[in-house]
Amino acid sequence: MLAVLIKRTLASEMEATYEEFSKKIIQAAVPAQGFISSKAFKDLKDTKIRYTLIQMECLADWKAWYQSDERRAALTQIQPLLREPEHISILTTA
């Protein structure tokens, strides 16, 4: 199993809009090959920092989703809401 941690820093006043689009990108990921689950988190000290933790079966499944037209289309809607590019960490069990 693979965990992917995505950090996004929102631009000012974009929290509500981001929540709407964030749900859409996760809904698009659910049918993806190897998708297991997803959870969203908000930083306690800075509510403009959001994390999404996605669990996938393997790295190949993540790469397929990452490069998919569905993710690109959803990300196109989210990018204008961000203050900086998203940061992705790929994690596995130790």
PDB file of N, CA and C in Angstrom:
ATOM      1  N   MET A   1       0.840  -1.179   0.000  1.00  0.00           N
ATOM      2  CA  MET A   1       0.000   0.000   0.000  1.00  0.00           C
ATOM      3  C   MET A   1       0.888   1.245   0.000  1.00  0.00           C
ATOM      4  N   LEU A   2       0.373   2.290  -0.617  1.00  0.00           N
ATOM      5  CA  LEU A   2       1.099   3.538  -0.775  1.00  0.00           C
ATOM      6  C   LEU A   2       0.236   4.666  -0.224  1.00  0.00           C
ATOM      7  N   ALA A   3       0.870   5.621   0.446  1.00  0.00           N
ATOM      8  CA  ALA A   3       0.164   6.814   0.908  1.00  0.00           C
ATOM      9  C   ALA A   3       0.765   8.020   0.194  1.00  0.00           C
ATOM     10  N   VAL A   4      -0.096   8.899  -0.248  1.00  0.00           N
ATOM     11  CA  VAL A   4       0.338  10.117  -0.928  1.00  0.00           C
ATOM     12  C   VAL A   4      -0.201  11.292  -0.126  1.00  0.00           C
ATOM     13  N   LEU A   5       0.701  12.143   0.348  1.00  0.00           N
ATOM     14  CA  LEU A   5       0.323  13.314   1.118  1.00  0.00           C
ATOM     15  C   LEU A   5       0.487  14.540   0.237  1.00  0.00           C
ATOM     16  N   ILE A   6      -0.615  15.235   0.019  1.00  0.00           N
ATOM     17  CA  ILE A   6      -0.604  16.426  -0.833  1.00  0.00           C
ATOM     18  C   ILE A   6      -0.848  17.644   0.046  1.00  0.00           C
ATOM     19  N   LYS A   7       0.080  18.587   0.008  1.00  0.00           N
ATOM     20  CA  LYS A   7      -0.052  19.833   0.767  1.00  0.00           C
ATOM     21  C   LYS A   7      -0.400  20.952  -0.201  1.00  0.00           C
ATOM     22  N   ARG A   8      -1.449  21.676   0.139  1.00  0.00           N
ATOM     23  CA  ARG A   8      -1.848  22.829  -0.671  1.00  0.00           C
ATOM     24  C   ARG A   8      -2.001  24.039   0.231  1.00  0.00           C
ATOM     25  N   THR A   9      -1.443  25.168  -0.202  1.00  0.00           N
ATOM     26  CA  THR A   9      -1.565  26.419   0.537  1.00  0.00           C
ATOM     27  C   THR A   9      -2.507  27.330  -0.241  1.00  0.00           C
ATOM     28  N   LEU A  10      -3.608  27.678   0.402  1.00  0.00           N
ATOM     29  CA  LEU A  10      -4.662  28.443  -0.272  1.00  0.00           C
ATOM     30  C   LEU A  10      -4.377  29.938  -0.292  1.00  0.00           C
ATOM     31  N   ALA A  11      -4.831  30.561  -1.345  1.00  0.00           N
ATOM     32  CA  ALA A  11      -4.793  32.017  -1.425  1.00  0.00           C
ATOM     33  C   ALA A  11      -5.856  32.585  -0.475  1.00  0.00           C
ATOM     34  N   SER A  12      -5.730  33.851  -0.144  1.00  0.00           N
ATOM     35  CA  SER A  12      -6.677  34.484   0.781  1.00  0.00           C
ATOM     36  C   SER A  12      -8.107  34.380   0.291  1.00  0.00           C
ATOM     37  N   GLU A  13      -8.998  34.128   1.224  1.00  0.00           N
ATOM     38  CA  GLU A  13     -10.445  34.088   0.977  1.00  0.00           C
ATOM     39  C   GLU A  13     -10.885  32.959   0.046  1.00  0.00           C
ATOM     40  N   MET A  14     -10.094  31.923  -0.094  1.00  0.00           N
ATOM     41  CA  MET A  14     -10.437  30.837  -1.024  1.00  0.00           C
ATOM     42  C   MET A  14     -10.853  29.541  -0.327  1.00  0.00           C
ATOM     43  N   GLU A  15     -10.995  29.566   0.987  1.00  0.00           N
ATOM     44  CA  GLU A  15     -11.285  28.348   1.724  1.00  0.00           C
ATOM     45  C   GLU A  15     -12.585  27.672   1.271  1.00  0.00           C
ATOM     46  N   ALA A  16     -13.662  28.403   1.203  1.00  0.00           N
ATOM     47  CA  ALA A  16     -14.953  27.810   0.835  1.00  0.00           C
ATOM     48  C   ALA A  16     -14.933  27.283  -0.599  1.00  0.00           C
ATOM     49  N   THR A  17     -14.345  28.044  -1.487  1.00  0.00           N
ATOM     50  CA  THR A  17     -14.262  27.615  -2.885  1.00  0.00           C
ATOM     51  C   THR A  17     -13.399  26.365  -3.001  1.00  0.00           C
ATOM     52  N   TYR A  18     -12.311  26.327  -2.253  1.00  0.00           N
ATOM     53  CA  TYR A  18     -11.427  25.168  -2.284  1.00  0.00           C
ATOM     54  C   TYR A  18     -12.167  23.918  -1.802  1.00  0.00           C
ATOM     55  N   GLU A  19     -12.935  24.040  -0.751  1.00  0.00           N
ATOM     56  CA  GLU A  19     -13.665  22.880  -0.213  1.00  0.00           C
ATOM     57  C   GLU A  19     -14.536  22.248  -1.295  1.00  0.00           C
ATOM     58  N   GLU A  20     -15.207  23.063  -2.066  1.00  0.00           N
ATOM     59  CA  GLU A  20     -16.079  22.577  -3.143  1.00  0.00           C
ATOM     60  C   GLU A  20     -15.272  21.808  -4.192  1.00  0.00           C
ATOM     61  N   PHE A  21     -14.177  22.394  -4.650  1.00  0.00           N
ATOM     62  CA  PHE A  21     -13.382  21.762  -5.697  1.00  0.00           C
ATOM     63  C   PHE A  21     -12.602  20.561  -5.161  1.00  0.00           C
ATOM     64  N   SER A  22     -12.199  20.604  -3.905  1.00  0.00           N
ATOM     65  CA  SER A  22     -11.482  19.490  -3.300  1.00  0.00           C
ATOM     66  C   SER A  22     -12.356  18.235  -3.284  1.00  0.00           C
ATOM     67  N   LYS A  23     -13.611  18.394  -2.978  1.00  0.00           N
ATOM     68  CA  LYS A  23     -14.545  17.261  -2.990  1.00  0.00           C
ATOM     69  C   LYS A  23     -14.672  16.681  -4.397  1.00  0.00           C
ATOM     70  N   LYS A  24     -14.682  17.545  -5.383  1.00  0.00           N
ATOM     71  CA  LYS A  24     -14.808  17.082  -6.772  1.00  0.00           C
ATOM     72  C   LYS A  24     -13.599  16.268  -7.215  1.00  0.00           C
ATOM     73  N   ILE A  25     -12.402  16.693  -6.833  1.00  0.00           N
ATOM     74  CA  ILE A  25     -11.213  15.954  -7.256  1.00  0.00           C
ATOM     75  C   ILE A  25     -11.161  14.594  -6.563  1.00  0.00           C
ATOM     76  N   ILE A  26     -11.610  14.529  -5.323  1.00  0.00           N
ATOM     77  CA  ILE A  26     -11.638  13.234  -4.629  1.00  0.00           C
ATOM     78  C   ILE A  26     -12.689  12.326  -5.249  1.00  0.00           C
ATOM     79  N   GLN A  27     -13.843  12.865  -5.587  1.00  0.00           N
ATOM     80  CA  GLN A  27     -14.884  12.064  -6.248  1.00  0.00           C
ATOM     81  C   GLN A  27     -14.368  11.511  -7.576  1.00  0.00           C
ATOM     82  N   ALA A  28     -13.556  12.287  -8.263  1.00  0.00           N
ATOM     83  CA  ALA A  28     -12.991  11.823  -9.528  1.00  0.00           C
ATOM     84  C   ALA A  28     -11.965  10.716  -9.299  1.00  0.00           C
ATOM     85  N   ALA A  29     -11.301  10.719  -8.136  1.00  0.00           N
ATOM     86  CA  ALA A  29     -10.270   9.717  -7.845  1.00  0.00           C
ATOM     87  C   ALA A  29     -10.849   8.370  -7.421  1.00  0.00           C
ATOM     88  N   VAL A  30     -12.032   8.370  -6.842  1.00  0.00           N
ATOM     89  CA  VAL A  30     -12.607   7.133  -6.296  1.00  0.00           C
ATOM     90  C   VAL A  30     -12.627   5.978  -7.304  1.00  0.00           C
ATOM     91  N   PRO A  31     -13.044   6.177  -8.546  1.00  0.00           N
ATOM     92  CA  PRO A  31     -13.044   5.047  -9.477  1.00  0.00           C
ATOM     93  C   PRO A  31     -11.672   4.699 -10.068  1.00  0.00           C
ATOM     94  N   ALA A  32     -10.638   5.451  -9.719  1.00  0.00           N
ATOM     95  CA  ALA A  32      -9.307   5.206 -10.283  1.00  0.00           C
ATOM     96  C   ALA A  32      -8.782   3.838  -9.846  1.00  0.00           C
ATOM     97  N   GLN A  33      -8.056   3.200 -10.736  1.00  0.00           N
ATOM     98  CA  GLN A  33      -7.424   1.912 -10.450  1.00  0.00           C
ATOM     99  C   GLN A  33      -6.561   2.025  -9.194  1.00  0.00           C
ATOM    100  N   GLY A  34      -6.770   1.158  -8.217  1.00  0.00           N
ATOM    101  CA  GLY A  34      -5.942   1.109  -7.026  1.00  0.00           C
ATOM    102  C   GLY A  34      -6.303   2.081  -5.925  1.00  0.00           C
ATOM    103  N   PHE A  35      -7.319   2.914  -6.120  1.00  0.00           N
ATOM    104  CA  PHE A  35      -7.717   3.865  -5.077  1.00  0.00           C
ATOM    105  C   PHE A  35      -8.271   3.103  -3.876  1.00  0.00           C
ATOM    106  N   ILE A  36      -7.789   3.445  -2.681  1.00  0.00           N
ATOM    107  CA  ILE A  36      -8.277   2.812  -1.457  1.00  0.00           C
ATOM    108  C   ILE A  36      -9.112   3.801  -0.645  1.00  0.00           C
ATOM    109  N   SER A  37      -8.524   4.966  -0.336  1.00  0.00           N
ATOM    110  CA  SER A  37      -9.244   5.935   0.482  1.00  0.00           C
ATOM    111  C   SER A  37      -8.593   7.306   0.380  1.00  0.00           C
ATOM    112  N   SER A  38      -9.289   8.279   0.940  1.00  0.00           N
ATOM    113  CA  SER A  38      -8.779   9.642   0.965  1.00  0.00           C
ATOM    114  C   SER A  38      -9.333  10.352   2.199  1.00  0.00           C
ATOM    115  N   LYS A  39      -8.505  11.194   2.792  1.00  0.00           N
ATOM    116  CA  LYS A  39      -8.931  12.018   3.928  1.00  0.00           C
ATOM    117  C   LYS A  39      -8.352  13.409   3.741  1.00  0.00           C
ATOM    118  N   ALA A  40      -9.115  14.404   4.171  1.00  0.00           N
ATOM    119  CA  ALA A  40      -8.673  15.795   4.074  1.00  0.00           C
ATOM    120  C   ALA A  40      -8.416  16.333   5.481  1.00  0.00           C
ATOM    121  N   PHE A  41      -7.381  17.157   5.594  1.00  0.00           N
ATOM    122  CA  PHE A  41      -6.997  17.739   6.875  1.00  0.00           C
ATOM    123  C   PHE A  41      -6.732  19.227   6.707  1.00  0.00           C
ATOM    124  N   LYS A  42      -6.956  19.961   7.801  1.00  0.00           N
ATOM    125  CA  LYS A  42      -6.685  21.392   7.851  1.00  0.00           C
ATOM    126  C   LYS A  42      -5.644  21.622   8.939  1.00  0.00           C
ATOM    127  N   ASP A  43      -4.621  22.412   8.657  1.00  0.00           N
ATOM    128  CA  ASP A  43      -3.597  22.727   9.648  1.00  0.00           C
ATOM    129  C   ASP A  43      -4.230  23.552  10.778  1.00  0.00           C
ATOM    130  N   LEU A  44      -3.976  23.159  12.034  1.00  0.00           N
ATOM    131  CA  LEU A  44      -4.551  23.874  13.181  1.00  0.00           C
ATOM    132  C   LEU A  44      -4.011  25.290  13.335  1.00  0.00           C
ATOM    133  N   LYS A  45      -2.749  25.500  12.974  1.00  0.00           N
ATOM    134  CA  LYS A  45      -2.132  26.814  13.149  1.00  0.00           C
ATOM    135  C   LYS A  45      -2.367  27.743  11.968  1.00  0.00           C
ATOM    136  N   ASP A  46      -2.584  27.184  10.800  1.00  0.00           N
ATOM    137  CA  ASP A  46      -2.780  27.990   9.593  1.00  0.00           C
ATOM    138  C   ASP A  46      -3.853  27.316   8.735  1.00  0.00           C
ATOM    139  N   THR A  47      -5.074  27.808   8.809  1.00  0.00           N
ATOM    140  CA  THR A  47      -6.193  27.166   8.106  1.00  0.00           C
ATOM    141  C   THR A  47      -6.109  27.305   6.593  1.00  0.00           C
ATOM    142  N   LYS A  48      -5.142  28.045   6.099  1.00  0.00           N
ATOM    143  CA  LYS A  48      -4.945  28.135   4.643  1.00  0.00           C
ATOM    144  C   LYS A  48      -4.123  26.953   4.130  1.00  0.00           C
ATOM    145  N   ILE A  49      -3.540  26.174   5.040  1.00  0.00           N
ATOM    146  CA  ILE A  49      -2.771  24.996   4.642  1.00  0.00           C
ATOM    147  C   ILE A  49      -3.667  23.773   4.768  1.00  0.00           C
ATOM    148  N   ARG A  50      -3.812  23.068   3.659  1.00  0.00           N
ATOM    149  CA  ARG A  50      -4.662  21.875   3.605  1.00  0.00           C
ATOM    150  C   ARG A  50      -3.827  20.688   3.167  1.00  0.00           C
ATOM    151  N   TYR A  51      -4.174  19.547   3.707  1.00  0.00           N
ATOM    152  CA  TYR A  51      -3.516  18.294   3.348  1.00  0.00           C
ATOM    153  C   TYR A  51      -4.573  17.306   2.882  1.00  0.00           C
ATOM    154  N   THR A  52      -4.223  16.534   1.898  1.00  0.00           N
ATOM    155  CA  THR A  52      -5.045  15.406   1.471  1.00  0.00           C
ATOM    156  C   THR A  52      -4.160  14.180   1.531  1.00  0.00           C
ATOM    157  N   LEU A  53      -4.651  13.150   2.217  1.00  0.00           N
ATOM    158  CA  LEU A  53      -3.930  11.890   2.318  1.00  0.00           C
ATOM    159  C   LEU A  53      -4.697  10.854   1.505  1.00  0.00           C
ATOM    160  N   ILE A  54      -4.055  10.364   0.464  1.00  0.00           N
ATOM    161  CA  ILE A  54      -4.678   9.389  -0.423  1.00  0.00           C
ATOM    162  C   ILE A  54      -3.941   8.068  -0.275  1.00  0.00           C
ATOM    163  N   GLN A  55      -4.690   6.995  -0.161  1.00  0.00           N
ATOM    164  CA  GLN A  55      -4.086   5.664  -0.124  1.00  0.00           C
ATOM    165  C   GLN A  55      -4.387   4.966  -1.441  1.00  0.00           C
ATOM    166  N   MET A  56      -3.320   4.454  -2.045  1.00  0.00           N
ATOM    167  CA  MET A  56      -3.415   3.731  -3.312  1.00  0.00           C
ATOM    168  C   MET A  56      -2.777   2.356  -3.121  1.00  0.00           C
ATOM    169  N   GLU A  57      -3.126   1.437  -3.987  1.00  0.00           N
ATOM    170  CA  GLU A  57      -2.572   0.086  -3.910  1.00  0.00           C
ATOM    171  C   GLU A  57      -1.059   0.078  -4.150  1.00  0.00           C
ATOM    172  N   CYS A  58      -0.588   0.839  -5.165  1.00  0.00           N
ATOM    173  CA  CYS A  58       0.834   0.807  -5.500  1.00  0.00           C
ATOM    174  C   CYS A  58       1.234   2.086  -6.235  1.00  0.00           C
ATOM    175  N   LEU A  59       2.519   2.251  -6.424  1.00  0.00           N
ATOM    176  CA  LEU A  59       3.053   3.443  -7.088  1.00  0.00           C
ATOM    177  C   LEU A  59       2.547   3.558  -8.520  1.00  0.00           C
ATOM    178  N   ALA A  60       2.439   2.452  -9.225  1.00  0.00           N
ATOM    179  CA  ALA A  60       1.944   2.496 -10.606  1.00  0.00           C
ATOM    180  C   ALA A  60       0.523   3.044 -10.663  1.00  0.00           C
ATOM    181  N   ASP A  61      -0.316   2.671  -9.693  1.00  0.00           N
ATOM    182  CA  ASP A  61      -1.690   3.198  -9.649  1.00  0.00           C
ATOM    183  C   ASP A  61      -1.683   4.701  -9.400  1.00  0.00           C
ATOM    184  N   TRP A  62      -0.821   5.164  -8.471  1.00  0.00           N
ATOM    185  CA  TRP A  62      -0.725   6.598  -8.207  1.00  0.00           C
ATOM    186  C   TRP A  62      -0.267   7.343  -9.456  1.00  0.00           C
ATOM    187  N   LYS A  63       0.768   6.835 -10.112  1.00  0.00           N
ATOM    188  CA  LYS A  63       1.275   7.509 -11.308  1.00  0.00           C
ATOM    189  C   LYS A  63       0.212   7.588 -12.397  1.00  0.00           C
ATOM    190  N   ALA A  64      -0.559   6.533 -12.543  1.00  0.00           N
ATOM    191  CA  ALA A  64      -1.635   6.547 -13.549  1.00  0.00           C
ATOM    192  C   ALA A  64      -2.665   7.608 -13.204  1.00  0.00           C
ATOM    193  N   TRP A  65      -3.043   7.695 -11.934  1.00  0.00           N
ATOM    194  CA  TRP A  65      -4.010   8.718 -11.515  1.00  0.00           C
ATOM    195  C   TRP A  65      -3.405  10.115 -11.649  1.00  0.00           C
ATOM    196  N   TYR A  66      -2.161  10.279 -11.226  1.00  0.00           N
ATOM    197  CA  TYR A  66      -1.491  11.572 -11.279  1.00  0.00           C
ATOM    198  C   TYR A  66      -1.445  12.118 -12.701  1.00  0.00           C
ATOM    199  N   GLN A  67      -1.245  11.244 -13.674  1.00  0.00           N
ATOM    200  CA  GLN A  67      -1.121  11.657 -15.069  1.00  0.00           C
ATOM    201  C   GLN A  67      -2.444  11.615 -15.831  1.00  0.00           C
ATOM    202  N   SER A  68      -3.524  11.273 -15.159  1.00  0.00           N
ATOM    203  CA  SER A  68      -4.808  11.097 -15.842  1.00  0.00           C
ATOM    204  C   SER A  68      -5.430  12.429 -16.261  1.00  0.00           C
ATOM    205  N   ASP A  69      -6.229  12.359 -17.301  1.00  0.00           N
ATOM    206  CA  ASP A  69      -6.968  13.539 -17.754  1.00  0.00           C
ATOM    207  C   ASP A  69      -7.944  14.016 -16.686  1.00  0.00           C
ATOM    208  N   GLU A  70      -8.505  13.082 -15.926  1.00  0.00           N
ATOM    209  CA  GLU A  70      -9.465  13.436 -14.877  1.00  0.00           C
ATOM    210  C   GLU A  70      -8.807  14.292 -13.790  1.00  0.00           C
ATOM    211  N   ARG A  71      -7.616  13.878 -13.365  1.00  0.00           N
ATOM    212  CA  ARG A  71      -6.923  14.665 -12.335  1.00  0.00           C
ATOM    213  C   ARG A  71      -6.495  16.014 -12.893  1.00  0.00           C
ATOM    214  N   ARG A  72      -5.988  16.029 -14.104  1.00  0.00           N
ATOM    215  CA  ARG A  72      -5.575  17.297 -14.721  1.00  0.00           C
ATOM    216  C   ARG A  72      -6.745  18.273 -14.799  1.00  0.00           C
ATOM    217  N   ALA A  73      -7.909  17.781 -15.201  1.00  0.00           N
ATOM    218  CA  ALA A  73      -9.085  18.649 -15.319  1.00  0.00           C
ATOM    219  C   ALA A  73      -9.499  19.197 -13.957  1.00  0.00           C
ATOM    220  N   ALA A  74      -9.504  18.338 -12.949  1.00  0.00           N
ATOM    221  CA  ALA A  74      -9.884  18.788 -11.607  1.00  0.00           C
ATOM    222  C   ALA A  74      -8.851  19.759 -11.046  1.00  0.00           C
ATOM    223  N   LEU A  75      -7.582  19.479 -11.264  1.00  0.00           N
ATOM    224  CA  LEU A  75      -6.523  20.339 -10.759  1.00  0.00           C
ATOM    225  C   LEU A  75      -6.533  21.710 -11.430  1.00  0.00           C
ATOM    226  N   THR A  76      -6.957  21.766 -12.666  1.00  0.00           N
ATOM    227  CA  THR A  76      -7.068  23.046 -13.372  1.00  0.00           C
ATOM    228  C   THR A  76      -8.008  23.986 -12.629  1.00  0.00           C
ATOM    229  N   GLN A  77      -9.028  23.435 -12.000  1.00  0.00           N
ATOM    230  CA  GLN A  77      -9.980  24.253 -11.240  1.00  0.00           C
ATOM    231  C   GLN A  77      -9.415  24.663  -9.884  1.00  0.00           C
ATOM    232  N   ILE A  78      -8.551  23.838  -9.301  1.00  0.00           N
ATOM    233  CA  ILE A  78      -8.003  24.122  -7.972  1.00  0.00           C
ATOM    234  C   ILE A  78      -6.809  25.079  -8.029  1.00  0.00           C
ATOM    235  N   GLN A  79      -5.969  24.970  -9.038  1.00  0.00           N
ATOM    236  CA  GLN A  79      -4.734  25.756  -9.094  1.00  0.00           C
ATOM    237  C   GLN A  79      -4.931  27.264  -8.897  1.00  0.00           C
ATOM    238  N   PRO A  80      -5.960  27.887  -9.473  1.00  0.00           N
ATOM    239  CA  PRO A  80      -6.121  29.330  -9.243  1.00  0.00           C
ATOM    240  C   PRO A  80      -6.421  29.698  -7.791  1.00  0.00           C
ATOM    241  N   LEU A  81      -6.806  28.714  -6.977  1.00  0.00           N
ATOM    242  CA  LEU A  81      -7.130  28.968  -5.580  1.00  0.00           C
ATOM    243  C   LEU A  81      -5.904  28.874  -4.674  1.00  0.00           C
ATOM    244  N   LEU A  82      -4.780  28.457  -5.240  1.00  0.00           N
ATOM    245  CA  LEU A  82      -3.582  28.203  -4.448  1.00  0.00           C
ATOM    246  C   LEU A  82      -2.609  29.375  -4.478  1.00  0.00           C
ATOM    247  N   ARG A  83      -1.933  29.548  -3.360  1.00  0.00           N
ATOM    248  CA  ARG A  83      -0.913  30.590  -3.243  1.00  0.00           C
ATOM    249  C   ARG A  83       0.426  30.118  -3.809  1.00  0.00           C
ATOM    250  N   GLU A  84       0.618  28.795  -3.846  1.00  0.00           N
ATOM    251  CA  GLU A  84       1.848  28.209  -4.369  1.00  0.00           C
ATOM    252  C   GLU A  84       1.517  26.829  -4.927  1.00  0.00           C
ATOM    253  N   PRO A  85       2.397  26.239  -5.708  1.00  0.00           N
ATOM    254  CA  PRO A  85       2.118  24.905  -6.254  1.00  0.00           C
ATOM    255  C   PRO A  85       1.959  23.869  -5.141  1.00  0.00           C
ATOM    256  N   GLU A  86       1.159  22.853  -5.400  1.00  0.00           N
ATOM    257  CA  GLU A  86       0.986  21.791  -4.408  1.00  0.00           C
ATOM    258  C   GLU A  86       2.297  21.043  -4.214  1.00  0.00           C
ATOM    259  N   HIS A  87       2.457  20.487  -3.025  1.00  0.00           N
ATOM    260  CA  HIS A  87       3.647  19.698  -2.709  1.00  0.00           C
ATOM    261  C   HIS A  87       3.189  18.271  -2.425  1.00  0.00           C
ATOM    262  N   ILE A  88       3.781  17.302  -3.106  1.00  0.00           N
ATOM    263  CA  ILE A  88       3.371  15.913  -2.992  1.00  0.00           C
ATOM    264  C   ILE A  88       4.491  15.084  -2.388  1.00  0.00           C
ATOM    265  N   SER A  89       4.156  14.335  -1.327  1.00  0.00           N
ATOM    266  CA  SER A  89       5.077  13.374  -0.720  1.00  0.00           C
ATOM    267  C   SER A  89       4.500  11.992  -0.888  1.00  0.00           C
ATOM    268  N   ILE A  90       5.312  11.063  -1.372  1.00  0.00           N
ATOM    269  CA  ILE A  90       4.875   9.688  -1.559  1.00  0.00           C
ATOM    270  C   ILE A  90       5.486   8.852  -0.435  1.00  0.00           C
ATOM    271  N   LEU A  91       4.629   8.176   0.311  1.00  0.00           N
ATOM    272  CA  LEU A  91       5.046   7.478   1.521  1.00  0.00           C
ATOM    273  C   LEU A  91       4.699   5.997   1.439  1.00  0.00           C
ATOM    274  N   THR A  92       5.494   5.201   2.121  1.00  0.00           N
ATOM    275  CA  THR A  92       5.206   3.785   2.239  1.00  0.00           C
ATOM    276  C   THR A  92       5.539   3.365   3.664  1.00  0.00           C
ATOM    277  N   THR A  93       5.094   2.198   4.055  1.00  0.00           N
ATOM    278  CA  THR A  93       5.368   1.741   5.405  1.00  0.00           C
ATOM    279  C   THR A  93       6.859   1.463   5.593  1.00  0.00           C
ATOM    280  N   ALA A  94       7.334   1.702   6.794  1.00  0.00           N
ATOM    281  CA  ALA A  94       8.769   1.506   7.087  1.00  0.00           C
ATOM    282  C   ALA A  94       9.054   0.074   7.451  1.00  0.00           C
TER     283      ALA A  94
END
